[in-house]
Protein backbone atom coordinates (compact mmCIF):
# COMPACT_ATOMS: atom_id res chain seq x y z
CA UNK A 1 -5.47 196.54 -19.31
CA UNK A 2 -7.47 194.95 -16.51
CA UNK A 3 -5.66 192.64 -14.10
CA UNK A 4 -6.44 188.95 -14.49
CA UNK A 5 -8.39 187.31 -11.67
CA UNK A 6 -6.11 184.40 -10.75
CA UNK A 7 -6.49 183.16 -7.18
CA UNK A 8 -3.49 181.12 -6.04
CA UNK A 9 -3.28 181.97 -2.35
CA UNK A 10 0.13 183.06 -1.07
CA UNK A 11 3.04 182.31 -3.38
CA UNK A 12 6.52 182.46 -1.81
CA UNK A 13 8.97 184.74 -3.61
CA UNK A 14 12.04 185.08 -1.36
CA UNK A 15 12.91 185.90 2.21
CA UNK A 16 14.06 189.41 3.05
CA UNK A 17 17.33 187.79 4.16
CA UNK A 18 17.65 186.23 0.71
CA UNK A 19 17.08 182.70 2.02
CA UNK A 20 14.18 180.53 0.85
CA UNK A 21 13.48 177.98 3.58
CA UNK A 22 10.99 175.16 3.87
CA UNK A 23 10.27 172.60 6.57
CA UNK A 24 8.06 169.53 6.77
CA UNK A 25 4.86 169.54 8.84
CA UNK A 26 2.28 166.90 9.70
CA UNK A 27 -1.42 166.76 8.85
CA UNK A 28 -3.19 163.83 10.56
CA UNK A 29 -5.93 161.79 8.89
CA UNK A 30 -8.29 163.03 11.59
CA UNK A 31 -8.10 166.58 10.18
CA UNK A 32 -11.28 167.04 8.16
CA UNK A 33 -10.29 170.03 6.02
CA UNK A 34 -8.71 169.92 2.57
CA UNK A 35 -5.43 171.82 2.14
CA UNK A 36 -4.12 173.47 -1.02
CA UNK A 37 -0.91 174.94 -2.41
CA UNK A 38 -0.76 178.53 -1.19
CA UNK A 39 -2.81 177.96 1.96
CA UNK A 40 -1.57 179.71 5.10
CA UNK A 41 -1.16 177.21 7.94
CA UNK A 42 -0.52 177.41 11.68
CA UNK A 43 1.07 175.00 14.14
CA UNK A 44 -1.39 173.35 16.53
CA UNK A 45 0.91 172.73 19.49
CA UNK A 46 1.65 169.05 18.96
CA UNK A 47 3.46 166.75 16.51
CA UNK A 48 3.20 163.29 14.97
CA UNK A 49 2.86 160.73 17.76
CA UNK A 50 4.20 157.79 15.77
CA UNK A 51 6.48 157.13 12.82
CA UNK A 52 5.19 158.44 9.49
CA UNK A 53 6.28 156.94 6.17
CA UNK A 54 6.08 159.13 3.06
CA UNK A 55 7.78 158.73 -0.30
CA UNK A 56 9.88 155.90 1.15
CA UNK A 57 11.22 158.02 4.01
CA UNK A 58 10.55 157.49 7.72
CA UNK A 59 9.83 160.47 9.96
CA UNK A 60 10.11 159.52 13.65
CA UNK A 61 7.54 160.54 16.25
CA UNK A 62 7.90 164.18 17.27
CA UNK A 63 9.81 165.26 14.16
CA UNK A 64 6.85 166.78 12.32
CA UNK A 65 4.99 169.70 13.98
CA UNK A 66 1.27 169.38 13.35
CA UNK A 67 -0.52 172.11 11.37
CA UNK A 68 -4.01 173.16 10.40
CA UNK A 69 -5.32 175.79 7.99
CA UNK A 70 -4.93 179.27 9.48
CA UNK A 71 -8.04 181.37 10.06
CA UNK A 72 -8.36 184.70 8.29
CA UNK A 73 -8.65 187.88 10.33
CA UNK A 74 -7.11 190.05 13.01
CA UNK A 75 -5.03 188.29 15.74
CA UNK A 76 -4.90 185.00 13.79
CA UNK A 77 -1.19 184.21 13.49
CA UNK A 78 0.12 181.80 10.87
CA UNK A 79 3.33 179.80 10.60
CA UNK A 80 3.89 179.66 6.86
CA UNK A 81 2.46 178.69 3.49
CA UNK A 82 2.11 175.28 1.84
CA UNK A 83 4.27 174.83 -1.26
CA UNK A 84 3.83 171.07 -1.73
CA UNK A 85 3.22 167.70 -0.12
CA UNK A 86 5.11 164.51 0.68
CA UNK A 87 2.46 161.85 0.83
CA UNK A 88 1.35 158.37 -0.11
CA UNK A 89 -1.91 159.22 -1.85
CA UNK A 90 -3.51 156.33 -3.70
CA UNK A 91 -3.91 158.73 -6.62
CA UNK A 92 -0.62 160.59 -7.04
CA UNK A 93 -2.19 162.89 -9.66
CA UNK A 94 -4.13 164.73 -6.92
CA UNK A 95 -2.70 168.24 -6.64
CA UNK A 96 -4.01 169.00 -3.14
CA UNK A 97 -4.52 167.27 0.21
CA UNK A 98 -8.06 165.92 0.45
CA UNK A 99 -9.92 166.21 3.75
CA UNK A 100 -9.35 163.42 6.29
CA UNK A 101 -6.15 162.28 4.58
CA UNK A 102 -2.79 161.98 6.33
CA UNK A 103 -0.04 163.99 4.68
CA UNK A 104 3.24 165.76 5.17
CA UNK A 105 3.08 169.35 3.99
CA UNK A 106 6.13 171.25 2.76
CA UNK A 107 5.83 174.74 4.23
CA UNK A 108 7.74 177.95 3.52
CA UNK A 109 8.05 179.16 7.11
CA UNK A 110 10.81 181.78 7.30
CA UNK A 111 9.50 184.65 9.43
CA UNK A 112 10.78 187.20 6.89
CA UNK A 113 9.44 185.34 3.85
CA UNK A 114 7.98 187.50 1.06
CA UNK A 115 4.80 186.30 -0.67
CA UNK A 116 2.84 187.23 -3.76
CA UNK A 117 -0.92 187.48 -3.25
CA UNK A 118 -3.88 188.84 -5.18
CA UNK A 119 -6.20 191.34 -3.53
CA UNK A 120 -9.88 190.45 -3.40
CA UNK A 121 -12.27 191.75 -6.05
CA UNK A 122 -14.65 193.33 -3.54
CA UNK A 123 -13.98 196.56 -1.71
CA UNK A 124 -11.89 199.49 -2.88
CA UNK A 125 -8.62 198.54 -4.63
CA UNK A 126 -5.41 199.30 -2.77
CA UNK A 127 -3.43 202.39 -3.73
CA UNK A 128 0.13 203.61 -3.37
CA UNK A 129 -0.56 204.82 0.18
CA UNK A 130 -1.39 201.23 1.16
CA UNK A 131 2.30 200.30 1.05
CA UNK A 132 3.62 199.85 4.60
CA UNK A 133 0.19 199.24 6.12
CA UNK A 134 -1.05 195.94 7.52
CA UNK A 135 -4.06 193.93 6.43
CA UNK A 136 -5.60 190.47 6.78
CA UNK A 137 -6.26 187.41 4.69
CA UNK A 138 -9.68 186.55 3.32
CA UNK A 139 -10.92 183.28 1.82
CA UNK A 140 -13.22 184.48 -0.96
CA UNK A 141 -13.64 180.96 -2.32
CA UNK A 142 -12.52 177.42 -1.55
CA UNK A 143 -9.30 176.04 -2.95
CA UNK A 144 -9.48 174.49 -6.41
CA UNK A 145 -9.47 170.70 -6.59
CA UNK A 146 -8.65 171.06 -10.30
CA UNK A 147 -5.53 173.24 -10.00
CA UNK A 148 -4.63 172.46 -6.39
CA UNK A 149 -4.30 176.16 -5.53
CA UNK A 150 -5.66 178.02 -2.49
CA UNK A 151 -8.50 180.55 -2.66
CA UNK A 152 -6.88 182.88 -0.11
CA UNK A 153 -6.62 186.57 -1.04
CA UNK A 154 -5.58 189.88 0.48
CA UNK A 155 -8.42 191.66 2.26
CA UNK A 156 -8.47 195.19 0.85
CA UNK A 157 -11.08 196.36 3.39
CA UNK A 158 -9.02 195.98 6.58
CA UNK A 159 -6.03 198.31 6.22
CA UNK A 160 -4.50 199.37 9.53
CA UNK A 161 -1.27 199.94 11.45
CA UNK A 162 -2.35 197.22 13.90
CA UNK A 163 0.49 194.87 14.85
CA UNK A 164 -1.95 191.96 15.15
CA UNK A 165 -3.00 192.08 11.47
CA UNK A 166 -1.75 189.16 9.39
CA UNK A 167 0.04 190.73 6.42
CA UNK A 168 2.36 193.70 5.88
CA UNK A 169 2.04 195.23 2.42
CA UNK A 170 5.53 195.72 0.96
CA UNK A 171 4.91 196.82 -2.64
CA UNK A 172 2.96 196.23 -5.85
CA UNK A 173 4.31 193.19 -7.67
CA UNK A 174 6.45 194.44 -10.56
CA UNK A 175 5.04 192.64 -13.57
CA UNK A 176 4.07 193.93 -17.00
CA UNK A 177 0.44 192.78 -16.74
CA UNK A 178 -0.09 193.93 -13.12
CA UNK A 179 -1.20 197.40 -12.10
CA UNK A 180 -2.97 199.13 -9.21
CA UNK A 181 -6.67 198.31 -9.41
CA UNK A 182 -9.07 195.39 -9.12
CA UNK A 183 -7.33 192.01 -8.66
CA UNK A 184 -3.87 193.57 -8.35
CA UNK A 185 -1.04 191.36 -7.10
CA UNK A 186 0.97 192.58 -4.10
CA UNK A 187 4.15 191.53 -2.32
CA UNK A 188 3.55 191.00 1.40
CA UNK A 189 5.16 189.36 4.41
CA UNK A 190 3.75 187.53 7.41
CA UNK A 191 3.14 190.24 10.01
CA UNK A 192 1.68 187.98 12.70
CA UNK A 193 3.95 184.95 12.58
CA UNK A 194 4.21 182.15 15.12
CA UNK A 195 7.93 182.28 14.31
CA UNK A 196 8.56 185.90 15.34
CA UNK A 197 7.14 189.01 16.98
CA UNK A 198 4.61 191.19 15.14
CA UNK A 199 5.36 194.77 14.15
CA UNK A 200 3.23 197.86 13.67
CA UNK A 201 2.56 199.37 10.25
CA UNK A 202 3.86 202.72 9.02
């Protein structure tokens, strides 16, 4: 049976240590890019400069590291993956963060976090010998404003042992309707994290 083509970006499963950890991060209204659940994000080197109120809670200046959407490709580190938002949207039914809208993103940012991700449809599908190698992210389409999910996928054309690649392939996701081939789902970890040192593939 063919794998279903369901793009949802990176979906946190667990950390290798067994701990699932999230932290809050800041997205200023001046940031002109929409963000979606499953998007990889990276810290920008600053934080909120004034108090931020979200869901009735006050976050003091400096308590929320600022993030932006991570770029796909070799040497582009990322901090973690968005799993939700704390925000004061006028329309609370919106499932993503629109461009140029202030928000607080909830990010799974453990350096040893495992993620589920679908490989892209183009290129040659990964095989069993891909396990242990490193690869990169690819944005084959924009995030969905209908579902709120990211369009990020695993790039199946950039396998390498390079320590600067973004993802380490751990294993095929063990699910009854998932098999090696087009649109397969894989378990990966962040190999080029702002929270830790990178490692080479095997």
